[in-house]
Amino acid sequence: MRHIIRFVLAAALAGTSASALADEASEAERLAKLMGVRAGSRVAAIGAGEGELAVEIARRLGPTGRVYATELGEEDRAAIRESARVAGLANLEVIEAQIAATGLPSKCCDAVFMRNVYHHLSDPGAIAKDIQRALVPGGLLVVIDFPPTWYLAPWSPKGVGEERTEHGITIEAALRELEGAGFERVDVHEAWTDRWFAGDAYALVLRAPHGIAR
Protein backbone atom coordinates (compact mmCIF):
# COMPACT_ATOMS: atom_id res chain seq x y z
CA MET A 1 0.00 0.00 0.00
CA ARG A 2 2.77 2.43 0.92
CA HIS A 3 4.55 2.06 -2.42
CA ILE A 4 1.27 2.80 -4.24
CA ILE A 5 0.75 5.96 -2.19
CA ARG A 6 4.37 6.99 -2.77
CA PHE A 7 3.97 6.52 -6.54
CA VAL A 8 0.71 8.51 -6.69
CA LEU A 9 2.18 11.37 -4.66
CA ALA A 10 5.35 11.45 -6.73
CA ALA A 11 3.32 11.58 -9.93
CA ALA A 12 1.14 14.34 -8.55
CA LEU A 13 4.02 16.47 -7.35
CA ALA A 14 6.57 15.89 -10.12
CA GLY A 15 7.45 18.60 -12.58
CA THR A 16 6.49 22.26 -12.82
CA SER A 17 3.89 22.86 -15.49
CA ALA A 18 2.69 26.20 -16.78
CA SER A 19 -0.51 25.56 -14.84
CA ALA A 20 1.46 25.03 -11.61
CA LEU A 21 3.38 28.26 -12.16
CA ALA A 22 0.11 30.11 -12.74
CA ASP A 23 -1.29 28.63 -9.53
CA GLU A 24 1.81 29.78 -7.65
CA ALA A 25 1.41 33.33 -8.94
CA SER A 26 -2.30 33.30 -8.12
CA GLU A 27 -1.65 32.09 -4.57
CA ALA A 28 1.07 34.71 -4.12
CA GLU A 29 -1.33 37.43 -5.20
CA ARG A 30 -3.96 36.30 -2.69
CA LEU A 31 -1.33 35.92 0.02
CA ALA A 32 0.02 39.42 -0.57
CA LYS A 33 -3.48 40.82 -0.17
CA LEU A 34 -4.07 38.73 2.95
CA MET A 35 -0.87 40.09 4.53
CA GLY A 36 -1.69 43.63 3.44
CA VAL A 37 1.76 44.04 1.89
CA ARG A 38 2.67 46.33 -0.99
CA ALA A 39 5.72 47.82 -2.68
CA GLY A 40 8.29 48.58 0.00
CA SER A 41 6.95 46.09 2.57
CA ARG A 42 9.22 43.66 4.41
CA VAL A 43 8.16 40.02 4.52
CA ALA A 44 9.66 36.72 5.68
CA ALA A 45 8.98 33.24 4.30
CA ILE A 46 9.68 30.65 7.01
CA GLY A 47 10.75 27.31 5.57
CA ALA A 48 10.69 28.65 2.02
CA GLY A 49 11.59 25.36 0.33
CA GLU A 50 13.11 26.15 -3.05
CA GLY A 51 11.72 29.67 -2.92
CA GLU A 52 8.88 29.60 -5.44
CA LEU A 53 6.38 31.51 -3.31
CA ALA A 54 9.05 33.76 -1.77
CA VAL A 55 10.14 34.80 -5.28
CA GLU A 56 6.56 35.58 -6.28
CA ILE A 57 6.08 37.74 -3.19
CA ALA A 58 9.42 39.49 -3.82
CA ARG A 59 8.24 40.43 -7.33
CA ARG A 60 5.29 42.25 -5.77
CA LEU A 61 7.34 44.24 -3.23
CA GLY A 62 9.59 45.98 -5.74
CA PRO A 63 13.19 47.08 -5.26
CA THR A 64 12.40 49.01 -2.07
CA GLY A 65 10.79 45.97 -0.45
CA ARG A 66 12.50 42.99 1.16
CA VAL A 67 11.83 39.27 1.43
CA TYR A 68 13.75 37.12 3.90
CA ALA A 69 13.57 33.43 2.96
CA THR A 70 14.63 30.96 5.65
CA GLU A 71 15.55 27.28 5.36
CA LEU A 72 17.42 24.74 7.47
CA GLY A 73 19.44 23.04 4.73
CA GLU A 74 22.15 24.55 2.55
CA GLU A 75 20.82 22.73 -0.52
CA ASP A 76 17.45 24.45 -0.18
CA ARG A 77 19.08 27.80 0.56
CA ALA A 78 21.20 27.46 -2.59
CA ALA A 79 18.05 26.67 -4.59
CA ILE A 80 16.35 29.82 -3.27
CA ARG A 81 19.37 31.95 -4.23
CA GLU A 82 19.31 30.45 -7.71
CA SER A 83 15.57 31.09 -8.07
CA ALA A 84 16.09 34.73 -7.09
CA ARG A 85 19.02 35.05 -9.50
CA VAL A 86 17.05 33.59 -12.41
CA ALA A 87 14.15 35.93 -11.58
CA GLY A 88 16.55 38.90 -11.50
CA LEU A 89 15.55 39.83 -7.95
CA ALA A 90 17.94 41.67 -5.64
CA ASN A 91 15.39 42.17 -2.86
CA LEU A 92 15.39 38.55 -1.59
CA GLU A 93 17.77 37.56 1.21
CA VAL A 94 18.34 33.93 2.19
CA ILE A 95 18.76 33.14 5.89
CA GLU A 96 19.79 29.96 7.69
CA ALA A 97 17.00 28.81 10.00
CA GLN A 98 17.31 26.79 13.18
CA ILE A 99 15.04 24.16 14.73
CA ALA A 100 13.78 26.49 17.47
CA ALA A 101 14.58 29.91 15.94
CA THR A 102 13.94 31.69 12.66
CA GLY A 103 17.33 33.36 12.26
CA LEU A 104 15.54 36.60 11.33
CA PRO A 105 16.66 40.05 12.57
CA SER A 106 14.53 41.67 15.26
CA LYS A 107 11.58 43.75 14.04
CA CYS A 108 12.62 43.15 10.44
CA CYS A 109 9.21 42.32 9.03
CA ASP A 110 5.73 43.71 8.53
CA ALA A 111 4.47 40.19 7.86
CA VAL A 112 5.67 36.59 8.07
CA PHE A 113 4.22 33.54 6.34
CA MET A 114 4.81 29.82 6.24
CA ARG A 115 3.24 27.35 3.83
CA ASN A 116 3.01 23.63 4.65
CA VAL A 117 5.65 24.17 7.33
CA TYR A 118 3.84 24.64 10.63
CA HIS A 119 2.99 20.95 11.04
CA HIS A 120 6.73 20.16 10.78
CA LEU A 121 7.68 22.25 13.83
CA SER A 122 9.04 20.26 16.77
CA ASP A 123 9.18 23.35 19.01
CA PRO A 124 6.25 25.51 17.82
CA GLY A 125 6.16 27.63 20.98
CA ALA A 126 9.76 28.75 20.55
CA ILE A 127 9.25 29.51 16.85
CA ALA A 128 6.07 31.48 17.57
CA LYS A 129 7.88 33.64 20.11
CA ASP A 130 10.80 34.15 17.74
CA ILE A 131 8.44 35.20 14.95
CA GLN A 132 6.98 37.81 17.31
CA ARG A 133 10.51 39.11 17.88
CA ALA A 134 11.04 39.36 14.12
CA LEU A 135 7.73 41.16 13.48
CA VAL A 136 7.05 44.82 14.01
CA PRO A 137 4.48 45.36 16.80
CA GLY A 138 1.12 44.30 15.44
CA GLY A 139 2.67 42.63 12.37
CA LEU A 140 0.83 39.76 10.70
CA LEU A 141 1.56 36.04 10.61
CA VAL A 142 -0.09 33.85 7.96
CA VAL A 143 0.05 30.07 8.42
CA ILE A 144 -0.99 27.96 5.42
CA ASP A 145 -1.26 24.28 6.27
CA PHE A 146 -3.50 21.22 6.01
CA PRO A 147 -5.27 18.91 8.46
CA PRO A 148 -3.92 15.51 9.56
CA THR A 149 -4.10 12.98 6.74
CA TRP A 150 -3.82 9.30 7.67
CA TYR A 151 -2.36 8.15 4.33
CA LEU A 152 0.51 10.64 4.68
CA ALA A 153 1.35 9.33 8.17
CA PRO A 154 4.35 7.28 6.90
CA TRP A 155 6.00 10.61 5.99
CA SER A 156 5.17 12.36 9.25
CA PRO A 157 7.87 14.73 10.55
CA LYS A 158 10.17 13.33 13.21
CA GLY A 159 10.19 14.54 16.80
CA VAL A 160 6.87 16.37 16.63
CA GLY A 161 3.97 16.37 19.09
CA GLU A 162 1.00 14.01 18.97
CA GLU A 163 -1.19 16.49 17.06
CA ARG A 164 1.27 16.32 14.11
CA THR A 165 1.83 12.56 13.83
CA GLU A 166 -0.56 12.13 10.87
CA HIS A 167 1.40 14.64 8.78
CA GLY A 168 -0.69 17.73 9.25
CA ILE A 169 -2.33 19.73 12.01
CA THR A 170 -5.92 20.76 12.64
CA ILE A 171 -6.97 24.39 12.57
CA GLU A 172 -7.98 24.11 16.21
CA ALA A 173 -4.62 22.76 17.36
CA ALA A 174 -2.65 25.36 15.38
CA LEU A 175 -4.75 28.22 16.75
CA ARG A 176 -4.48 26.86 20.29
CA GLU A 177 -0.67 26.88 20.04
CA LEU A 178 -0.37 30.27 18.35
CA GLU A 179 -2.87 32.06 20.56
CA GLY A 180 -1.24 30.43 23.58
CA ALA A 181 2.04 32.01 22.43
CA GLY A 182 0.44 35.47 22.37
CA PHE A 183 -0.83 35.89 18.81
CA GLU A 184 -4.29 37.35 18.25
CA ARG A 185 -6.60 35.61 15.77
CA VAL A 186 -7.57 37.85 12.84
CA ASP A 187 -9.14 35.50 10.28
CA VAL A 188 -9.48 31.84 9.27
CA HIS A 189 -9.81 30.69 5.65
CA GLU A 190 -10.89 27.07 5.85
CA ALA A 191 -10.58 26.32 2.11
CA TRP A 192 -7.51 28.25 1.05
CA THR A 193 -6.29 25.83 -1.64
CA ASP A 194 -7.51 22.46 -2.86
CA ARG A 195 -4.67 20.00 -2.29
CA TRP A 196 -6.41 16.79 -3.26
CA PHE A 197 -3.64 14.60 -1.85
CA ALA A 198 -4.00 16.16 1.62
CA GLY A 199 -7.44 17.70 1.71
CA ASP A 200 -8.14 21.42 1.58
CA ALA A 201 -5.33 23.61 2.84
CA TYR A 202 -6.38 26.39 5.22
CA ALA A 203 -4.91 29.81 5.97
CA LEU A 204 -4.76 31.35 9.44
CA VAL A 205 -4.16 35.08 9.86
CA LEU A 206 -2.85 36.24 13.23
CA ARG A 207 -1.52 39.47 14.65
CA ALA A 208 1.53 39.89 16.84
CA PRO A 209 0.80 41.54 20.21
CA HIS A 210 1.33 45.16 21.25
CA GLY A 211 0.38 47.54 18.50
CA ILE A 212 -1.33 47.99 15.18
CA ALA A 213 -0.08 46.40 11.96
CA ARG A 214 1.44 48.75 9.40
C-alpha atoms as a PDB file:
ATOM      1  CA  MET A   1       0.000   0.000   0.000  1.00  0.00           C
ATOM      2  CA  ARG A   2       2.772   2.433   0.917  1.00  0.00           C
ATOM      3  CA  HIS A   3       4.551   2.057  -2.420  1.00  0.00           C
ATOM      4  CA  ILE A   4       1.272   2.804  -4.236  1.00  0.00           C
ATOM      5  CA  ILE A   5       0.750   5.963  -2.194  1.00  0.00           C
ATOM      6  CA  ARG A   6       4.366   6.985  -2.772  1.00  0.00           C
ATOM      7  CA  PHE A   7       3.967   6.522  -6.545  1.00  0.00           C
ATOM      8  CA  VAL A   8       0.715   8.508  -6.686  1.00  0.00           C
ATOM      9  CA  LEU A   9       2.179  11.367  -4.659  1.00  0.00           C
ATOM     10  CA  ALA A  10       5.354  11.448  -6.732  1.00  0.00           C
ATOM     11  CA  ALA A  11       3.322  11.579  -9.930  1.00  0.00           C
ATOM     12  CA  ALA A  12       1.138  14.342  -8.549  1.00  0.00           C
ATOM     13  CA  LEU A  13       4.018  16.474  -7.349  1.00  0.00           C
ATOM     14  CA  ALA A  14       6.568  15.886 -10.117  1.00  0.00           C
ATOM     15  CA  GLY A  15       7.451  18.602 -12.582  1.00  0.00           C
ATOM     16  CA  THR A  16       6.494  22.260 -12.820  1.00  0.00           C
ATOM     17  CA  SER A  17       3.892  22.855 -15.493  1.00  0.00           C
ATOM     18  CA  ALA A  18       2.688  26.205 -16.781  1.00  0.00           C
ATOM     19  CA  SER A  19      -0.505  25.565 -14.837  1.00  0.00           C
ATOM     20  CA  ALA A  20       1.465  25.027 -11.612  1.00  0.00           C
ATOM     21  CA  LEU A  21       3.379  28.257 -12.159  1.00  0.00           C
ATOM     22  CA  ALA A  22       0.110  30.105 -12.737  1.00  0.00           C
ATOM     23  CA  ASP A  23      -1.290  28.626  -9.532  1.00  0.00           C
ATOM     24  CA  GLU A  24       1.814  29.782  -7.648  1.00  0.00           C
ATOM     25  CA  ALA A  25       1.407  33.329  -8.942  1.00  0.00           C
ATOM     26  CA  SER A  26      -2.303  33.297  -8.117  1.00  0.00           C
ATOM     27  CA  GLU A  27      -1.649  32.088  -4.570  1.00  0.00           C
ATOM     28  CA  ALA A  28       1.074  34.712  -4.119  1.00  0.00           C
ATOM     29  CA  GLU A  29      -1.335  37.432  -5.203  1.00  0.00           C
ATOM     30  CA  ARG A  30      -3.956  36.302  -2.690  1.00  0.00           C
ATOM     31  CA  LEU A  31      -1.330  35.916   0.023  1.00  0.00           C
ATOM     32  CA  ALA A  32       0.021  39.422  -0.569  1.00  0.00           C
ATOM     33  CA  LYS A  33      -3.485  40.823  -0.167  1.00  0.00           C
ATOM     34  CA  LEU A  34      -4.069  38.732   2.946  1.00  0.00           C
ATOM     35  CA  MET A  35      -0.870  40.087   4.533  1.00  0.00           C
ATOM     36  CA  GLY A  36      -1.692  43.628   3.440  1.00  0.00           C
ATOM     37  CA  VAL A  37       1.757  44.043   1.890  1.00  0.00           C
ATOM     38  CA  ARG A  38       2.669  46.334  -0.987  1.00  0.00           C
ATOM     39  CA  ALA A  39       5.723  47.824  -2.684  1.00  0.00           C
ATOM     40  CA  GLY A  40       8.286  48.584  -0.001  1.00  0.00           C
ATOM     41  CA  SER A  41       6.954  46.087   2.566  1.00  0.00           C
ATOM     42  CA  ARG A  42       9.215  43.664   4.409  1.00  0.00           C
ATOM     43  CA  VAL A  43       8.156  40.022   4.518  1.00  0.00           C
ATOM     44  CA  ALA A  44       9.655  36.719   5.683  1.00  0.00           C
ATOM     45  CA  ALA A  45       8.976  33.244   4.305  1.00  0.00           C
ATOM     46  CA  ILE A  46       9.683  30.651   7.013  1.00  0.00           C
ATOM     47  CA  GLY A  47      10.753  27.312   5.567  1.00  0.00           C
ATOM     48  CA  ALA A  48      10.691  28.651   2.022  1.00  0.00           C
ATOM     49  CA  GLY A  49      11.586  25.357   0.325  1.00  0.00           C
ATOM     50  CA  GLU A  50      13.114  26.152  -3.055  1.00  0.00           C
ATOM     51  CA  GLY A  51      11.725  29.671  -2.919  1.00  0.00           C
ATOM     52  CA  GLU A  52       8.878  29.597  -5.436  1.00  0.00           C
ATOM     53  CA  LEU A  53       6.376  31.510  -3.305  1.00  0.00           C
ATOM     54  CA  ALA A  54       9.054  33.759  -1.771  1.00  0.00           C
ATOM     55  CA  VAL A  55      10.139  34.797  -5.278  1.00  0.00           C
ATOM     56  CA  GLU A  56       6.556  35.584  -6.283  1.00  0.00           C
ATOM     57  CA  ILE A  57       6.080  37.740  -3.188  1.00  0.00           C
ATOM     58  CA  ALA A  58       9.420  39.493  -3.824  1.00  0.00           C
ATOM     59  CA  ARG A  59       8.238  40.425  -7.329  1.00  0.00           C
ATOM     60  CA  ARG A  60       5.290  42.247  -5.773  1.00  0.00           C
ATOM     61  CA  LEU A  61       7.340  44.238  -3.233  1.00  0.00           C
ATOM     62  CA  GLY A  62       9.586  45.982  -5.742  1.00  0.00           C
ATOM     63  CA  PRO A  63      13.194  47.084  -5.258  1.00  0.00           C
ATOM     64  CA  THR A  64      12.400  49.014  -2.068  1.00  0.00           C
ATOM     65  CA  GLY A  65      10.794  45.967  -0.445  1.00  0.00           C
ATOM     66  CA  ARG A  66      12.499  42.992   1.164  1.00  0.00           C
ATOM     67  CA  VAL A  67      11.835  39.269   1.426  1.00  0.00           C
ATOM     68  CA  TYR A  68      13.753  37.124   3.904  1.00  0.00           C
ATOM     69  CA  ALA A  69      13.568  33.434   2.957  1.00  0.00           C
ATOM     70  CA  THR A  70      14.631  30.958   5.646  1.00  0.00           C
ATOM     71  CA  GLU A  71      15.552  27.284   5.362  1.00  0.00           C
ATOM     72  CA  LEU A  72      17.422  24.742   7.474  1.00  0.00           C
ATOM     73  CA  GLY A  73      19.444  23.036   4.730  1.00  0.00           C
ATOM     74  CA  GLU A  74      22.147  24.546   2.554  1.00  0.00           C
ATOM     75  CA  GLU A  75      20.821  22.727  -0.523  1.00  0.00           C
ATOM     76  CA  ASP A  76      17.454  24.455  -0.175  1.00  0.00           C
ATOM     77  CA  ARG A  77      19.084  27.801   0.561  1.00  0.00           C
ATOM     78  CA  ALA A  78      21.203  27.457  -2.594  1.00  0.00           C
ATOM     79  CA  ALA A  79      18.051  26.673  -4.590  1.00  0.00           C
ATOM     80  CA  ILE A  80      16.354  29.825  -3.272  1.00  0.00           C
ATOM     81  CA  ARG A  81      19.368  31.954  -4.228  1.00  0.00           C
ATOM     82  CA  GLU A  82      19.310  30.453  -7.708  1.00  0.00           C
ATOM     83  CA  SER A  83      15.572  31.085  -8.067  1.00  0.00           C
ATOM     84  CA  ALA A  84      16.091  34.729  -7.094  1.00  0.00           C
ATOM     85  CA  ARG A  85      19.018  35.046  -9.504  1.00  0.00           C
ATOM     86  CA  VAL A  86      17.049  33.593 -12.414  1.00  0.00           C
ATOM     87  CA  ALA A  87      14.148  35.934 -11.584  1.00  0.00           C
ATOM     88  CA  GLY A  88      16.548  38.898 -11.497  1.00  0.00           C
ATOM     89  CA  LEU A  89      15.552  39.834  -7.948  1.00  0.00           C
ATOM     90  CA  ALA A  90      17.940  41.674  -5.644  1.00  0.00           C
ATOM     91  CA  ASN A  91      15.390  42.170  -2.856  1.00  0.00           C
ATOM     92  CA  LEU A  92      15.392  38.552  -1.589  1.00  0.00           C
ATOM     93  CA  GLU A  93      17.773  37.565   1.207  1.00  0.00           C
ATOM     94  CA  VAL A  94      18.340  33.935   2.186  1.00  0.00           C
ATOM     95  CA  ILE A  95      18.763  33.142   5.885  1.00  0.00           C
ATOM     96  CA  GLU A  96      19.787  29.955   7.685  1.00  0.00           C
ATOM     97  CA  ALA A  97      16.998  28.806   9.996  1.00  0.00           C
ATOM     98  CA  GLN A  98      17.309  26.785  13.177  1.00  0.00           C
ATOM     99  CA  ILE A  99      15.038  24.157  14.727  1.00  0.00           C
ATOM    100  CA  ALA A 100      13.782  26.493  17.465  1.00  0.00           C
ATOM    101  CA  ALA A 101      14.578  29.911  15.942  1.00  0.00           C
ATOM    102  CA  THR A 102      13.942  31.690  12.657  1.00  0.00           C
ATOM    103  CA  GLY A 103      17.331  33.361  12.261  1.00  0.00           C
ATOM    104  CA  LEU A 104      15.542  36.599  11.327  1.00  0.00           C
ATOM    105  CA  PRO A 105      16.661  40.047  12.565  1.00  0.00           C
ATOM    106  CA  SER A 106      14.528  41.669  15.264  1.00  0.00           C
ATOM    107  CA  LYS A 107      11.576  43.752  14.039  1.00  0.00           C
ATOM    108  CA  CYS A 108      12.621  43.150  10.441  1.00  0.00           C
ATOM    109  CA  CYS A 109       9.206  42.323   9.029  1.00  0.00           C
ATOM    110  CA  ASP A 110       5.730  43.714   8.527  1.00  0.00           C
ATOM    111  CA  ALA A 111       4.467  40.187   7.855  1.00  0.00           C
ATOM    112  CA  VAL A 112       5.666  36.588   8.065  1.00  0.00           C
ATOM    113  CA  PHE A 113       4.217  33.544   6.336  1.00  0.00           C
ATOM    114  CA  MET A 114       4.810  29.819   6.242  1.00  0.00           C
ATOM    115  CA  ARG A 115       3.238  27.350   3.832  1.00  0.00           C
ATOM    116  CA  ASN A 116       3.012  23.634   4.648  1.00  0.00           C
ATOM    117  CA  VAL A 117       5.653  24.166   7.332  1.00  0.00           C
ATOM    118  CA  TYR A 118       3.842  24.642  10.632  1.00  0.00           C
ATOM    119  CA  HIS A 119       2.986  20.948  11.040  1.00  0.00           C
ATOM    120  CA  HIS A 120       6.732  20.163  10.784  1.00  0.00           C
ATOM    121  CA  LEU A 121       7.678  22.248  13.828  1.00  0.00           C
ATOM    122  CA  SER A 122       9.042  20.260  16.767  1.00  0.00           C
ATOM    123  CA  ASP A 123       9.178  23.354  19.006  1.00  0.00           C
ATOM    124  CA  PRO A 124       6.251  25.512  17.824  1.00  0.00           C
ATOM    125  CA  GLY A 125       6.162  27.628  20.982  1.00  0.00           C
ATOM    126  CA  ALA A 126       9.763  28.753  20.551  1.00  0.00           C
ATOM    127  CA  ILE A 127       9.254  29.506  16.853  1.00  0.00           C
ATOM    128  CA  ALA A 128       6.068  31.481  17.574  1.00  0.00           C
ATOM    129  CA  LYS A 129       7.877  33.643  20.108  1.00  0.00           C
ATOM    130  CA  ASP A 130      10.797  34.146  17.740  1.00  0.00           C
ATOM    131  CA  ILE A 131       8.441  35.204  14.952  1.00  0.00           C
ATOM    132  CA  GLN A 132       6.981  37.813  17.312  1.00  0.00           C
ATOM    133  CA  ARG A 133      10.505  39.106  17.883  1.00  0.00           C
ATOM    134  CA  ALA A 134      11.037  39.364  14.116  1.00  0.00           C
ATOM    135  CA  LEU A 135       7.733  41.163  13.482  1.00  0.00           C
ATOM    136  CA  VAL A 136       7.054  44.825  14.011  1.00  0.00           C
ATOM    137  CA  PRO A 137       4.479  45.359  16.803  1.00  0.00           C
ATOM    138  CA  GLY A 138       1.119  44.297  15.438  1.00  0.00           C
ATOM    139  CA  GLY A 139       2.668  42.633  12.373  1.00  0.00           C
ATOM    140  CA  LEU A 140       0.834  39.756  10.697  1.00  0.00           C
ATOM    141  CA  LEU A 141       1.559  36.042  10.606  1.00  0.00           C
ATOM    142  CA  VAL A 142      -0.093  33.846   7.958  1.00  0.00           C
ATOM    143  CA  VAL A 143       0.052  30.066   8.422  1.00  0.00           C
ATOM    144  CA  ILE A 144      -0.991  27.958   5.421  1.00  0.00           C
ATOM    145  CA  ASP A 145      -1.258  24.279   6.274  1.00  0.00           C
ATOM    146  CA  PHE A 146      -3.496  21.224   6.010  1.00  0.00           C
ATOM    147  CA  PRO A 147      -5.268  18.907   8.458  1.00  0.00           C
ATOM    148  CA  PRO A 148      -3.924  15.507   9.563  1.00  0.00           C
ATOM    149  CA  THR A 149      -4.104  12.978   6.739  1.00  0.00           C
ATOM    150  CA  TRP A 150      -3.818   9.298   7.668  1.00  0.00           C
ATOM    151  CA  TYR A 151      -2.361   8.147   4.329  1.00  0.00           C
ATOM    152  CA  LEU A 152       0.512  10.637   4.684  1.00  0.00           C
ATOM    153  CA  ALA A 153       1.351   9.332   8.175  1.00  0.00           C
ATOM    154  CA  PRO A 154       4.354   7.280   6.902  1.00  0.00           C
ATOM    155  CA  TRP A 155       5.997  10.610   5.994  1.00  0.00           C
ATOM    156  CA  SER A 156       5.173  12.356   9.252  1.00  0.00           C
ATOM    157  CA  PRO A 157       7.872  14.732  10.552  1.00  0.00           C
ATOM    158  CA  LYS A 158      10.172  13.330  13.209  1.00  0.00           C
ATOM    159  CA  GLY A 159      10.186  14.541  16.804  1.00  0.00           C
ATOM    160  CA  VAL A 160       6.867  16.371  16.633  1.00  0.00           C
ATOM    161  CA  GLY A 161       3.974  16.372  19.090  1.00  0.00           C
ATOM    162  CA  GLU A 162       0.999  14.007  18.973  1.00  0.00           C
ATOM    163  CA  GLU A 163      -1.190  16.488  17.064  1.00  0.00           C
ATOM    164  CA  ARG A 164       1.266  16.321  14.111  1.00  0.00           C
ATOM    165  CA  THR A 165       1.828  12.563  13.828  1.00  0.00           C
ATOM    166  CA  GLU A 166      -0.556  12.130  10.870  1.00  0.00           C
ATOM    167  CA  HIS A 167       1.399  14.640   8.781  1.00  0.00           C
ATOM    168  CA  GLY A 168      -0.692  17.734   9.255  1.00  0.00           C
ATOM    169  CA  ILE A 169      -2.333  19.731  12.013  1.00  0.00           C
ATOM    170  CA  THR A 170      -5.915  20.764  12.644  1.00  0.00           C
ATOM    171  CA  ILE A 171      -6.974  24.388  12.566  1.00  0.00           C
ATOM    172  CA  GLU A 172      -7.985  24.113  16.208  1.00  0.00           C
ATOM    173  CA  ALA A 173      -4.616  22.761  17.357  1.00  0.00           C
ATOM    174  CA  ALA A 174      -2.651  25.359  15.379  1.00  0.00           C
ATOM    175  CA  LEU A 175      -4.753  28.224  16.755  1.00  0.00           C
ATOM    176  CA  ARG A 176      -4.475  26.861  20.290  1.00  0.00           C
ATOM    177  CA  GLU A 177      -0.674  26.885  20.041  1.00  0.00           C
ATOM    178  CA  LEU A 178      -0.370  30.267  18.348  1.00  0.00           C
ATOM    179  CA  GLU A 179      -2.872  32.064  20.564  1.00  0.00           C
ATOM    180  CA  GLY A 180      -1.242  30.431  23.580  1.00  0.00           C
ATOM    181  CA  ALA A 181       2.035  32.008  22.425  1.00  0.00           C
ATOM    182  CA  GLY A 182       0.440  35.470  22.370  1.00  0.00           C
ATOM    183  CA  PHE A 183      -0.828  35.888  18.810  1.00  0.00           C
ATOM    184  CA  GLU A 184      -4.291  37.348  18.248  1.00  0.00           C
ATOM    185  CA  ARG A 185      -6.596  35.610  15.773  1.00  0.00           C
ATOM    186  CA  VAL A 186      -7.574  37.850  12.841  1.00  0.00           C
ATOM    187  CA  ASP A 187      -9.142  35.500  10.284  1.00  0.00           C
ATOM    188  CA  VAL A 188      -9.478  31.842   9.275  1.00  0.00           C
ATOM    189  CA  HIS A 189      -9.810  30.689   5.648  1.00  0.00           C
ATOM    190  CA  GLU A 190     -10.894  27.066   5.852  1.00  0.00           C
ATOM    191  CA  ALA A 191     -10.578  26.316   2.112  1.00  0.00           C
ATOM    192  CA  TRP A 192      -7.506  28.252   1.045  1.00  0.00           C
ATOM    193  CA  THR A 193      -6.293  25.833  -1.635  1.00  0.00           C
ATOM    194  CA  ASP A 194      -7.514  22.463  -2.855  1.00  0.00           C
ATOM    195  CA  ARG A 195      -4.665  20.003  -2.294  1.00  0.00           C
ATOM    196  CA  TRP A 196      -6.413  16.793  -3.257  1.00  0.00           C
ATOM    197  CA  PHE A 197      -3.642  14.598  -1.849  1.00  0.00           C
ATOM    198  CA  ALA A 198      -3.995  16.165   1.619  1.00  0.00           C
ATOM    199  CA  GLY A 199      -7.440  17.701   1.710  1.00  0.00           C
ATOM    200  CA  ASP A 200      -8.140  21.415   1.580  1.00  0.00           C
ATOM    201  CA  ALA A 201      -5.329  23.613   2.838  1.00  0.00           C
ATOM    202  CA  TYR A 202      -6.377  26.389   5.218  1.00  0.00           C
ATOM    203  CA  ALA A 203      -4.913  29.811   5.971  1.00  0.00           C
ATOM    204  CA  LEU A 204      -4.763  31.347   9.443  1.00  0.00           C
ATOM    205  CA  VAL A 205      -4.158  35.075   9.857  1.00  0.00           C
ATOM    206  CA  LEU A 206      -2.854  36.236  13.234  1.00  0.00           C
ATOM    207  CA  ARG A 207      -1.520  39.469  14.650  1.00  0.00           C
ATOM    208  CA  ALA A 208       1.534  39.895  16.841  1.00  0.00           C
ATOM    209  CA  PRO A 209       0.800  41.537  20.205  1.00  0.00           C
ATOM    210  CA  HIS A 210       1.328  45.160  21.250  1.00  0.00           C
ATOM    211  CA  GLY A 211       0.380  47.539  18.502  1.00  0.00           C
ATOM    212  CA  ILE A 212      -1.333  47.992  15.179  1.00  0.00           C
ATOM    213  CA  ALA A 213      -0.081  46.399  11.963  1.00  0.00           C
ATOM    214  CA  ARG A 214       1.437  48.747   9.403  1.00  0.00           C
END
